[in-house]
Amino acid sequence: MPYPDLHVLALDFGKVSGWARFTVPRENFYPEEYRPDKKRPSVLEWTNGEIRGSESSQVWEVCRMSRTIQSMSWKVGPALVPEGFDFGSPQRDPDAYSPVRMVAMLQFCEEQTALMDDGKVTVMPRKMPKETYTDARLRELGFYVAGPDHRRDAVRIALMALRRARINDRYRDRLWGPREYPGRTRVR
């Protein structure tokens, strides 16, 4: 039987990266597997913070966090949800592309190494979380985080991922479903 909790690690990459981890009951996303005798809260635990350092050291820290979260839920890796970027037009500032490079490094860690255990990367479109979870809405829900926007944006991303997973089984399975590695065997 799978572990009863699921985890989302949302990421707002940049020079200083914000992160948010939400732990939620599996039965809220896979109701066909459960007949709970008592209702658990929709969010069991959440926390957030910032990561500083070079791009590669920040991605390394995210990989470490993924392995730590994995140890909390045997055989169910966390959903890692970084914010995606669509600039619309080329940018002259190379730092503007830092989040893009960091998402690519994270995807490499997922696909080619065992650095993240069973963590799965799913990029979140940039506008969706900010339009859905405004500061006022975060306050109303009790998830507002004061201070730098990076942490608050990571909370928005996590909540948007959870919302999408609750209403869309294909998205849910992209976050936590079985891993498929066509044409190769993963070495652990």
N, C-alpha and C. Protein backbone atom coordinates (compact mmCIF):
# COMPACT_ATOMS: atom_id res chain seq x y z
N MET A 1 0.84 -1.18 0.00
CA MET A 1 0.00 0.00 0.00
C MET A 1 0.89 1.24 0.00
N PRO A 2 0.56 2.22 -0.83
CA PRO A 2 1.38 3.43 -0.89
C PRO A 2 1.29 4.24 0.40
N TYR A 3 2.31 5.03 0.62
CA TYR A 3 2.33 5.90 1.79
C TYR A 3 1.15 6.86 1.73
N PRO A 4 0.52 7.21 2.84
CA PRO A 4 -0.72 7.98 2.81
C PRO A 4 -0.57 9.47 2.53
N ASP A 5 0.65 9.98 2.41
CA ASP A 5 0.85 11.41 2.18
C ASP A 5 1.59 11.65 0.88
N LEU A 6 1.32 12.78 0.26
CA LEU A 6 2.01 13.22 -0.95
C LEU A 6 2.68 14.56 -0.67
N HIS A 7 3.73 14.85 -1.42
CA HIS A 7 4.48 16.09 -1.19
C HIS A 7 4.67 16.84 -2.50
N VAL A 8 4.59 18.17 -2.41
CA VAL A 8 4.91 19.07 -3.51
C VAL A 8 6.03 19.98 -3.03
N LEU A 9 7.07 20.09 -3.84
CA LEU A 9 8.14 21.05 -3.57
C LEU A 9 8.11 22.04 -4.74
N ALA A 10 7.59 23.23 -4.48
CA ALA A 10 7.46 24.26 -5.52
C ALA A 10 8.67 25.18 -5.45
N LEU A 11 9.10 25.66 -6.64
CA LEU A 11 10.35 26.42 -6.72
C LEU A 11 10.18 27.67 -7.57
N ASP A 12 10.67 28.77 -7.05
CA ASP A 12 10.75 30.03 -7.78
C ASP A 12 12.23 30.36 -7.90
N PHE A 13 12.84 29.86 -8.99
CA PHE A 13 14.30 29.98 -9.16
C PHE A 13 14.72 31.41 -9.50
N GLY A 14 15.93 31.76 -9.09
CA GLY A 14 16.53 33.05 -9.39
C GLY A 14 17.83 33.19 -8.62
N LYS A 15 18.36 34.42 -8.55
CA LYS A 15 19.57 34.63 -7.77
C LYS A 15 19.36 34.16 -6.34
N VAL A 16 18.18 34.46 -5.81
CA VAL A 16 17.71 33.89 -4.55
C VAL A 16 16.46 33.12 -4.91
N SER A 17 16.43 31.83 -4.62
CA SER A 17 15.30 30.99 -5.01
C SER A 17 14.38 30.77 -3.81
N GLY A 18 13.09 30.91 -4.07
CA GLY A 18 12.10 30.60 -3.05
C GLY A 18 11.63 29.17 -3.22
N TRP A 19 11.28 28.52 -2.12
CA TRP A 19 10.75 27.15 -2.18
C TRP A 19 9.61 27.02 -1.18
N ALA A 20 8.70 26.13 -1.48
CA ALA A 20 7.60 25.81 -0.56
C ALA A 20 7.32 24.32 -0.67
N ARG A 21 7.20 23.66 0.50
CA ARG A 21 6.85 22.24 0.53
C ARG A 21 5.50 22.09 1.21
N PHE A 22 4.58 21.41 0.51
CA PHE A 22 3.27 21.10 1.05
C PHE A 22 3.14 19.58 1.16
N THR A 23 2.61 19.11 2.28
CA THR A 23 2.30 17.70 2.48
C THR A 23 0.79 17.59 2.55
N VAL A 24 0.24 16.70 1.72
CA VAL A 24 -1.22 16.58 1.60
C VAL A 24 -1.61 15.10 1.70
N PRO A 25 -2.86 14.81 2.10
CA PRO A 25 -3.31 13.42 2.17
C PRO A 25 -3.51 12.83 0.77
N ARG A 26 -2.98 11.66 0.56
CA ARG A 26 -3.10 10.98 -0.72
C ARG A 26 -4.57 10.77 -1.11
N GLU A 27 -5.43 10.49 -0.13
CA GLU A 27 -6.84 10.19 -0.47
C GLU A 27 -7.55 11.37 -1.13
N ASN A 28 -7.04 12.58 -0.97
CA ASN A 28 -7.65 13.74 -1.64
C ASN A 28 -7.38 13.73 -3.14
N PHE A 29 -6.39 12.96 -3.56
CA PHE A 29 -6.00 12.93 -4.97
C PHE A 29 -6.25 11.58 -5.62
N TYR A 30 -6.29 10.53 -4.83
CA TYR A 30 -6.55 9.18 -5.32
C TYR A 30 -7.71 8.58 -4.52
N PRO A 31 -8.90 9.17 -4.63
CA PRO A 31 -10.02 8.70 -3.79
C PRO A 31 -10.43 7.27 -4.09
N GLU A 32 -10.13 6.78 -5.29
CA GLU A 32 -10.49 5.40 -5.64
C GLU A 32 -9.71 4.38 -4.82
N GLU A 33 -8.60 4.79 -4.23
CA GLU A 33 -7.78 3.88 -3.42
C GLU A 33 -8.22 3.82 -1.96
N TYR A 34 -9.06 4.76 -1.55
CA TYR A 34 -9.33 4.91 -0.12
C TYR A 34 -10.82 4.94 0.19
N ARG A 35 -11.12 4.48 1.36
CA ARG A 35 -12.43 4.67 1.99
C ARG A 35 -12.14 5.15 3.41
N PRO A 36 -11.72 6.41 3.54
CA PRO A 36 -11.28 6.87 4.86
C PRO A 36 -12.42 6.87 5.86
N ASP A 37 -12.09 6.47 7.09
CA ASP A 37 -13.09 6.48 8.14
C ASP A 37 -13.16 7.85 8.81
N LYS A 38 -12.14 8.66 8.63
CA LYS A 38 -12.20 10.02 9.14
C LYS A 38 -11.49 10.95 8.16
N LYS A 39 -11.99 12.15 8.06
CA LYS A 39 -11.46 13.14 7.12
C LYS A 39 -10.23 13.81 7.72
N ARG A 40 -9.15 13.86 6.94
CA ARG A 40 -7.95 14.56 7.37
C ARG A 40 -7.95 15.97 6.75
N PRO A 41 -7.21 16.90 7.34
CA PRO A 41 -7.14 18.25 6.75
C PRO A 41 -6.62 18.19 5.32
N SER A 42 -6.99 19.16 4.48
CA SER A 42 -6.55 19.14 3.08
C SER A 42 -5.05 19.42 2.95
N VAL A 43 -4.46 20.15 3.88
CA VAL A 43 -3.02 20.37 3.94
C VAL A 43 -2.56 19.92 5.31
N LEU A 44 -1.69 18.92 5.33
CA LEU A 44 -1.22 18.38 6.60
C LEU A 44 -0.09 19.21 7.19
N GLU A 45 0.76 19.73 6.31
CA GLU A 45 1.92 20.51 6.76
C GLU A 45 2.42 21.33 5.59
N TRP A 46 2.98 22.50 5.88
CA TRP A 46 3.63 23.28 4.83
C TRP A 46 4.72 24.14 5.45
N THR A 47 5.73 24.39 4.65
CA THR A 47 6.85 25.20 5.08
C THR A 47 7.46 25.84 3.84
N ASN A 48 8.29 26.84 4.04
CA ASN A 48 8.91 27.52 2.90
C ASN A 48 10.22 28.15 3.32
N GLY A 49 10.98 28.58 2.34
CA GLY A 49 12.26 29.21 2.63
C GLY A 49 12.92 29.72 1.37
N GLU A 50 14.18 30.07 1.50
CA GLU A 50 14.98 30.57 0.38
C GLU A 50 16.28 29.79 0.29
N ILE A 51 16.81 29.74 -0.92
CA ILE A 51 18.11 29.12 -1.16
C ILE A 51 18.97 30.17 -1.85
N ARG A 52 20.20 30.31 -1.40
CA ARG A 52 21.14 31.27 -1.99
C ARG A 52 22.37 30.52 -2.47
N GLY A 53 23.09 31.14 -3.38
CA GLY A 53 24.33 30.56 -3.88
C GLY A 53 24.34 30.52 -5.39
N SER A 54 25.33 29.83 -5.94
CA SER A 54 25.42 29.70 -7.39
C SER A 54 24.24 28.88 -7.91
N GLU A 55 24.00 28.98 -9.21
CA GLU A 55 22.89 28.22 -9.80
C GLU A 55 23.02 26.73 -9.51
N SER A 56 24.22 26.19 -9.74
CA SER A 56 24.40 24.75 -9.55
C SER A 56 24.29 24.35 -8.08
N SER A 57 24.77 25.20 -7.16
CA SER A 57 24.65 24.84 -5.74
C SER A 57 23.19 24.91 -5.28
N GLN A 58 22.40 25.80 -5.86
CA GLN A 58 20.98 25.86 -5.52
C GLN A 58 20.26 24.61 -6.03
N VAL A 59 20.57 24.18 -7.25
CA VAL A 59 19.94 22.97 -7.80
C VAL A 59 20.38 21.76 -6.97
N TRP A 60 21.63 21.71 -6.57
CA TRP A 60 22.12 20.62 -5.72
C TRP A 60 21.33 20.58 -4.41
N GLU A 61 21.05 21.75 -3.83
CA GLU A 61 20.27 21.81 -2.60
C GLU A 61 18.85 21.30 -2.83
N VAL A 62 18.26 21.63 -3.97
CA VAL A 62 16.92 21.12 -4.29
C VAL A 62 16.96 19.60 -4.41
N CYS A 63 18.00 19.04 -5.02
CA CYS A 63 18.13 17.59 -5.11
C CYS A 63 18.22 16.97 -3.72
N ARG A 64 18.97 17.61 -2.83
CA ARG A 64 19.09 17.13 -1.45
C ARG A 64 17.73 17.18 -0.76
N MET A 65 17.01 18.28 -0.96
CA MET A 65 15.67 18.40 -0.37
C MET A 65 14.75 17.30 -0.90
N SER A 66 14.84 17.01 -2.19
CA SER A 66 14.01 15.97 -2.79
C SER A 66 14.27 14.62 -2.15
N ARG A 67 15.55 14.30 -1.93
CA ARG A 67 15.88 13.03 -1.28
C ARG A 67 15.38 12.99 0.16
N THR A 68 15.46 14.10 0.86
CA THR A 68 14.96 14.17 2.23
C THR A 68 13.45 13.97 2.26
N ILE A 69 12.75 14.62 1.35
CA ILE A 69 11.29 14.47 1.28
C ILE A 69 10.94 13.04 0.92
N GLN A 70 11.69 12.44 0.00
CA GLN A 70 11.47 11.05 -0.40
C GLN A 70 11.52 10.14 0.82
N SER A 71 12.43 10.42 1.74
CA SER A 71 12.56 9.56 2.92
C SER A 71 11.34 9.66 3.82
N MET A 72 10.53 10.72 3.65
CA MET A 72 9.32 10.89 4.45
C MET A 72 8.18 10.03 3.91
N SER A 73 8.25 9.66 2.65
CA SER A 73 7.18 8.88 2.00
C SER A 73 7.82 7.82 1.13
N TRP A 74 7.99 6.66 1.65
CA TRP A 74 8.66 5.57 0.97
C TRP A 74 8.05 5.31 -0.41
N LYS A 75 8.89 5.28 -1.43
CA LYS A 75 8.54 4.96 -2.82
C LYS A 75 7.62 5.96 -3.50
N VAL A 76 7.35 7.11 -2.89
CA VAL A 76 6.57 8.13 -3.56
C VAL A 76 7.38 9.42 -3.52
N GLY A 77 8.04 9.71 -4.62
CA GLY A 77 8.86 10.90 -4.67
C GLY A 77 8.02 12.16 -4.66
N PRO A 78 8.61 13.27 -4.27
CA PRO A 78 7.87 14.52 -4.28
C PRO A 78 7.66 15.02 -5.70
N ALA A 79 6.60 15.79 -5.88
CA ALA A 79 6.40 16.51 -7.14
C ALA A 79 7.22 17.79 -7.03
N LEU A 80 8.19 17.95 -7.90
CA LEU A 80 8.99 19.17 -7.93
C LEU A 80 8.41 20.06 -9.03
N VAL A 81 7.95 21.24 -8.65
CA VAL A 81 7.24 22.10 -9.58
C VAL A 81 7.93 23.47 -9.65
N PRO A 82 8.89 23.62 -10.57
CA PRO A 82 9.50 24.93 -10.76
C PRO A 82 8.63 25.81 -11.66
N GLU A 83 8.77 27.10 -11.49
CA GLU A 83 8.06 28.04 -12.34
C GLU A 83 8.73 28.08 -13.71
N GLY A 84 7.93 28.04 -14.76
CA GLY A 84 8.44 28.15 -16.12
C GLY A 84 8.58 29.60 -16.54
N PHE A 85 9.30 29.84 -17.62
CA PHE A 85 9.51 31.20 -18.09
C PHE A 85 9.28 31.29 -19.57
N ASP A 86 8.53 32.32 -19.97
CA ASP A 86 8.32 32.65 -21.37
C ASP A 86 8.51 34.16 -21.46
N PHE A 87 9.67 34.58 -21.91
CA PHE A 87 9.99 36.00 -21.91
C PHE A 87 9.31 36.76 -23.04
N GLY A 88 8.85 36.06 -24.07
CA GLY A 88 8.20 36.72 -25.18
C GLY A 88 9.19 37.30 -26.17
N SER A 89 10.26 37.89 -25.69
CA SER A 89 11.30 38.42 -26.57
C SER A 89 12.64 38.23 -25.88
N PRO A 90 13.72 38.21 -26.67
CA PRO A 90 15.05 37.98 -26.06
C PRO A 90 15.40 39.06 -25.03
N GLN A 91 16.09 38.66 -23.99
CA GLN A 91 16.55 39.56 -22.94
C GLN A 91 18.06 39.76 -23.09
N ARG A 92 18.52 40.93 -22.77
CA ARG A 92 19.96 41.21 -22.86
C ARG A 92 20.69 40.82 -21.59
N ASP A 93 20.00 40.84 -20.48
CA ASP A 93 20.62 40.54 -19.19
C ASP A 93 20.73 39.02 -19.02
N PRO A 94 21.96 38.47 -18.97
CA PRO A 94 22.11 37.01 -18.82
C PRO A 94 21.52 36.48 -17.52
N ASP A 95 21.45 37.32 -16.48
CA ASP A 95 20.85 36.88 -15.22
C ASP A 95 19.36 36.57 -15.37
N ALA A 96 18.70 37.19 -16.36
CA ALA A 96 17.28 36.93 -16.58
C ALA A 96 17.04 35.47 -16.95
N TYR A 97 18.06 34.82 -17.51
CA TYR A 97 17.92 33.42 -17.93
C TYR A 97 18.35 32.43 -16.85
N SER A 98 18.76 32.92 -15.70
CA SER A 98 19.17 32.06 -14.61
C SER A 98 18.11 31.02 -14.25
N PRO A 99 16.84 31.41 -14.08
CA PRO A 99 15.82 30.40 -13.75
C PRO A 99 15.67 29.33 -14.83
N VAL A 100 15.83 29.71 -16.08
CA VAL A 100 15.71 28.76 -17.19
C VAL A 100 16.83 27.72 -17.10
N ARG A 101 18.05 28.20 -16.85
CA ARG A 101 19.19 27.29 -16.71
C ARG A 101 18.99 26.35 -15.51
N MET A 102 18.46 26.88 -14.42
CA MET A 102 18.29 26.07 -13.22
C MET A 102 17.22 25.01 -13.41
N VAL A 103 16.14 25.33 -14.12
CA VAL A 103 15.11 24.32 -14.42
C VAL A 103 15.72 23.23 -15.29
N ALA A 104 16.54 23.62 -16.28
CA ALA A 104 17.18 22.62 -17.14
C ALA A 104 18.10 21.70 -16.33
N MET A 105 18.86 22.27 -15.38
CA MET A 105 19.72 21.44 -14.53
C MET A 105 18.89 20.47 -13.69
N LEU A 106 17.77 20.96 -13.17
CA LEU A 106 16.90 20.11 -12.36
C LEU A 106 16.31 18.97 -13.20
N GLN A 107 15.92 19.28 -14.43
CA GLN A 107 15.41 18.23 -15.32
C GLN A 107 16.49 17.22 -15.65
N PHE A 108 17.72 17.67 -15.81
CA PHE A 108 18.84 16.75 -16.03
C PHE A 108 19.00 15.82 -14.82
N CYS A 109 18.94 16.40 -13.62
CA CYS A 109 19.07 15.58 -12.40
C CYS A 109 17.98 14.53 -12.33
N GLU A 110 16.77 14.86 -12.77
CA GLU A 110 15.68 13.89 -12.75
C GLU A 110 15.90 12.79 -13.79
N GLU A 111 16.28 13.17 -14.98
CA GLU A 111 16.34 12.22 -16.09
C GLU A 111 17.59 11.35 -16.12
N GLN A 112 18.70 11.87 -15.69
CA GLN A 112 19.97 11.18 -15.93
C GLN A 112 20.69 10.70 -14.69
N THR A 113 20.21 11.05 -13.53
CA THR A 113 20.93 10.68 -12.32
C THR A 113 19.97 10.19 -11.25
N ALA A 114 20.51 9.73 -10.17
CA ALA A 114 19.68 9.30 -9.04
C ALA A 114 19.73 10.35 -7.94
N LEU A 115 20.04 11.59 -8.31
CA LEU A 115 20.20 12.64 -7.31
C LEU A 115 18.91 13.00 -6.58
N MET A 116 17.76 12.69 -7.20
CA MET A 116 16.49 13.10 -6.60
C MET A 116 15.61 11.91 -6.22
N ASP A 117 16.16 10.72 -6.16
CA ASP A 117 15.35 9.53 -5.89
C ASP A 117 14.19 9.50 -6.89
N ASP A 118 12.96 9.47 -6.40
CA ASP A 118 11.80 9.38 -7.29
C ASP A 118 11.10 10.71 -7.50
N GLY A 119 11.75 11.80 -7.21
CA GLY A 119 11.17 13.12 -7.44
C GLY A 119 10.92 13.34 -8.93
N LYS A 120 9.79 13.96 -9.26
CA LYS A 120 9.41 14.19 -10.65
C LYS A 120 9.25 15.69 -10.89
N VAL A 121 9.85 16.18 -11.97
CA VAL A 121 9.82 17.61 -12.30
C VAL A 121 8.67 17.88 -13.27
N THR A 122 7.84 18.86 -12.94
CA THR A 122 6.76 19.31 -13.81
C THR A 122 6.76 20.83 -13.76
N VAL A 123 7.07 21.46 -14.88
CA VAL A 123 7.19 22.92 -14.92
C VAL A 123 5.80 23.56 -14.94
N MET A 124 5.63 24.59 -14.14
CA MET A 124 4.36 25.31 -14.01
C MET A 124 4.42 26.59 -14.85
N PRO A 125 3.42 26.84 -15.71
CA PRO A 125 3.38 28.11 -16.45
C PRO A 125 3.42 29.30 -15.47
N ARG A 126 4.14 30.32 -15.84
CA ARG A 126 4.44 31.42 -14.93
C ARG A 126 3.22 32.23 -14.48
N LYS A 127 2.31 32.55 -15.38
CA LYS A 127 1.20 33.45 -15.04
C LYS A 127 0.12 32.80 -14.19
N MET A 128 -0.12 31.53 -14.41
CA MET A 128 -1.24 30.83 -13.77
C MET A 128 -1.30 31.00 -12.24
N PRO A 129 -0.22 30.73 -11.50
CA PRO A 129 -0.29 30.84 -10.04
C PRO A 129 -0.54 32.27 -9.56
N LYS A 130 0.10 33.24 -10.21
CA LYS A 130 -0.03 34.63 -9.77
C LYS A 130 -1.43 35.18 -10.03
N GLU A 131 -2.06 34.73 -11.11
CA GLU A 131 -3.42 35.18 -11.41
C GLU A 131 -4.44 34.51 -10.49
N THR A 132 -4.21 33.26 -10.14
CA THR A 132 -5.16 32.51 -9.33
C THR A 132 -5.01 32.79 -7.84
N TYR A 133 -3.79 32.86 -7.37
CA TYR A 133 -3.52 33.04 -5.94
C TYR A 133 -2.87 34.40 -5.69
N THR A 134 -3.70 35.43 -5.73
CA THR A 134 -3.24 36.79 -5.43
C THR A 134 -2.86 36.87 -3.96
N ASP A 135 -2.22 37.97 -3.58
CA ASP A 135 -1.88 38.16 -2.16
C ASP A 135 -3.14 38.12 -1.30
N ALA A 136 -4.21 38.75 -1.76
CA ALA A 136 -5.46 38.75 -0.99
C ALA A 136 -5.99 37.33 -0.81
N ARG A 137 -5.93 36.53 -1.85
CA ARG A 137 -6.41 35.14 -1.77
C ARG A 137 -5.52 34.33 -0.82
N LEU A 138 -4.21 34.53 -0.89
CA LEU A 138 -3.30 33.82 0.03
C LEU A 138 -3.62 34.18 1.48
N ARG A 139 -3.89 35.45 1.73
CA ARG A 139 -4.25 35.87 3.10
C ARG A 139 -5.54 35.18 3.54
N GLU A 140 -6.52 35.17 2.64
CA GLU A 140 -7.82 34.55 2.93
C GLU A 140 -7.67 33.06 3.28
N LEU A 141 -6.77 32.37 2.58
CA LEU A 141 -6.57 30.95 2.79
C LEU A 141 -5.61 30.63 3.94
N GLY A 142 -4.91 31.65 4.43
CA GLY A 142 -3.96 31.43 5.53
C GLY A 142 -2.58 31.00 5.08
N PHE A 143 -2.26 31.24 3.81
CA PHE A 143 -0.95 30.83 3.27
C PHE A 143 -0.08 32.02 2.86
N TYR A 144 -0.44 33.21 3.28
CA TYR A 144 0.35 34.39 2.91
C TYR A 144 1.68 34.35 3.65
N VAL A 145 2.75 34.63 2.93
CA VAL A 145 4.09 34.67 3.51
C VAL A 145 4.63 36.08 3.33
N ALA A 146 4.90 36.77 4.42
CA ALA A 146 5.45 38.12 4.35
C ALA A 146 6.91 38.07 3.94
N GLY A 147 7.41 39.18 3.46
CA GLY A 147 8.82 39.25 3.09
C GLY A 147 9.02 39.16 1.59
N PRO A 148 10.20 38.71 1.17
CA PRO A 148 10.51 38.68 -0.26
C PRO A 148 9.51 37.84 -1.06
N ASP A 149 9.28 38.25 -2.29
CA ASP A 149 8.30 37.58 -3.16
C ASP A 149 8.66 36.14 -3.49
N HIS A 150 9.94 35.76 -3.45
CA HIS A 150 10.35 34.42 -3.88
C HIS A 150 9.63 33.33 -3.09
N ARG A 151 9.58 33.47 -1.79
CA ARG A 151 8.92 32.46 -0.96
C ARG A 151 7.41 32.44 -1.23
N ARG A 152 6.81 33.62 -1.32
CA ARG A 152 5.37 33.71 -1.55
C ARG A 152 5.02 33.15 -2.93
N ASP A 153 5.86 33.43 -3.93
CA ASP A 153 5.62 32.88 -5.27
C ASP A 153 5.72 31.36 -5.28
N ALA A 154 6.63 30.81 -4.49
CA ALA A 154 6.73 29.35 -4.39
C ALA A 154 5.46 28.77 -3.77
N VAL A 155 4.89 29.45 -2.79
CA VAL A 155 3.63 29.00 -2.18
C VAL A 155 2.52 29.01 -3.23
N ARG A 156 2.46 30.08 -4.04
CA ARG A 156 1.45 30.16 -5.12
C ARG A 156 1.58 28.97 -6.07
N ILE A 157 2.82 28.66 -6.45
CA ILE A 157 3.07 27.56 -7.39
C ILE A 157 2.61 26.23 -6.79
N ALA A 158 2.92 26.01 -5.52
CA ALA A 158 2.52 24.76 -4.86
C ALA A 158 1.00 24.65 -4.82
N LEU A 159 0.32 25.70 -4.43
CA LEU A 159 -1.14 25.67 -4.36
C LEU A 159 -1.76 25.45 -5.74
N MET A 160 -1.18 26.06 -6.77
CA MET A 160 -1.71 25.87 -8.12
C MET A 160 -1.50 24.43 -8.57
N ALA A 161 -0.35 23.85 -8.27
CA ALA A 161 -0.10 22.45 -8.64
C ALA A 161 -1.09 21.53 -7.93
N LEU A 162 -1.34 21.77 -6.66
CA LEU A 162 -2.30 20.95 -5.92
C LEU A 162 -3.71 21.10 -6.48
N ARG A 163 -4.08 22.32 -6.81
CA ARG A 163 -5.41 22.56 -7.38
C ARG A 163 -5.58 21.82 -8.71
N ARG A 164 -4.57 21.94 -9.58
CA ARG A 164 -4.64 21.27 -10.88
C ARG A 164 -4.67 19.75 -10.72
N ALA A 165 -3.90 19.23 -9.76
CA ALA A 165 -3.86 17.77 -9.54
C ALA A 165 -5.19 17.25 -9.02
N ARG A 166 -5.88 18.06 -8.25
CA ARG A 166 -7.16 17.64 -7.69
C ARG A 166 -8.24 17.52 -8.75
N ILE A 167 -8.17 18.32 -9.81
CA ILE A 167 -9.23 18.32 -10.82
C ILE A 167 -8.84 17.61 -12.12
N ASN A 168 -7.58 17.24 -12.27
CA ASN A 168 -7.12 16.65 -13.52
C ASN A 168 -6.25 15.42 -13.22
N ASP A 169 -6.79 14.23 -13.47
CA ASP A 169 -6.07 12.99 -13.17
C ASP A 169 -4.76 12.86 -13.94
N ARG A 170 -4.73 13.34 -15.17
CA ARG A 170 -3.48 13.24 -15.96
C ARG A 170 -2.39 14.11 -15.35
N TYR A 171 -2.76 15.29 -14.91
CA TYR A 171 -1.78 16.16 -14.25
C TYR A 171 -1.33 15.54 -12.93
N ARG A 172 -2.27 15.01 -12.16
CA ARG A 172 -1.96 14.33 -10.90
C ARG A 172 -0.95 13.22 -11.13
N ASP A 173 -1.18 12.41 -12.16
CA ASP A 173 -0.28 11.30 -12.43
C ASP A 173 1.08 11.79 -12.92
N ARG A 174 1.13 12.95 -13.57
CA ARG A 174 2.42 13.53 -13.95
C ARG A 174 3.21 13.91 -12.71
N LEU A 175 2.51 14.37 -11.67
CA LEU A 175 3.21 14.77 -10.45
C LEU A 175 3.68 13.58 -9.62
N TRP A 176 2.81 12.56 -9.44
CA TRP A 176 3.12 11.48 -8.51
C TRP A 176 2.97 10.08 -9.07
N GLY A 177 2.54 9.95 -10.31
CA GLY A 177 2.31 8.62 -10.88
C GLY A 177 3.60 7.88 -11.11
N PRO A 178 3.47 6.66 -11.64
CA PRO A 178 4.67 5.85 -11.87
C PRO A 178 5.60 6.50 -12.88
N ARG A 179 6.87 6.31 -12.65
CA ARG A 179 7.88 6.83 -13.57
C ARG A 179 8.03 5.89 -14.75
N GLU A 180 8.25 6.47 -15.89
CA GLU A 180 8.52 5.66 -17.07
C GLU A 180 9.81 6.15 -17.69
N TYR A 181 10.69 5.23 -17.95
CA TYR A 181 11.95 5.52 -18.61
C TYR A 181 12.03 4.67 -19.87
N PRO A 182 11.43 5.14 -20.96
CA PRO A 182 11.42 4.32 -22.17
C PRO A 182 12.84 4.04 -22.66
N GLY A 183 13.07 2.77 -22.94
CA GLY A 183 14.32 2.37 -23.56
C GLY A 183 15.53 2.30 -22.66
N ARG A 184 15.36 2.49 -21.37
CA ARG A 184 16.54 2.35 -20.51
C ARG A 184 16.13 1.91 -19.12
N THR A 185 17.09 1.33 -18.44
CA THR A 185 16.87 0.89 -17.08
C THR A 185 17.57 1.88 -16.16
N ARG A 186 16.90 2.30 -15.15
CA ARG A 186 17.47 3.24 -14.20
C ARG A 186 18.35 2.49 -13.20
N VAL A 187 19.56 2.93 -13.04
CA VAL A 187 20.51 2.32 -12.11
C VAL A 187 20.44 3.08 -10.80
N ARG A 188 20.33 2.35 -9.72
CA ARG A 188 20.28 3.00 -8.39
C ARG A 188 21.49 2.59 -7.61
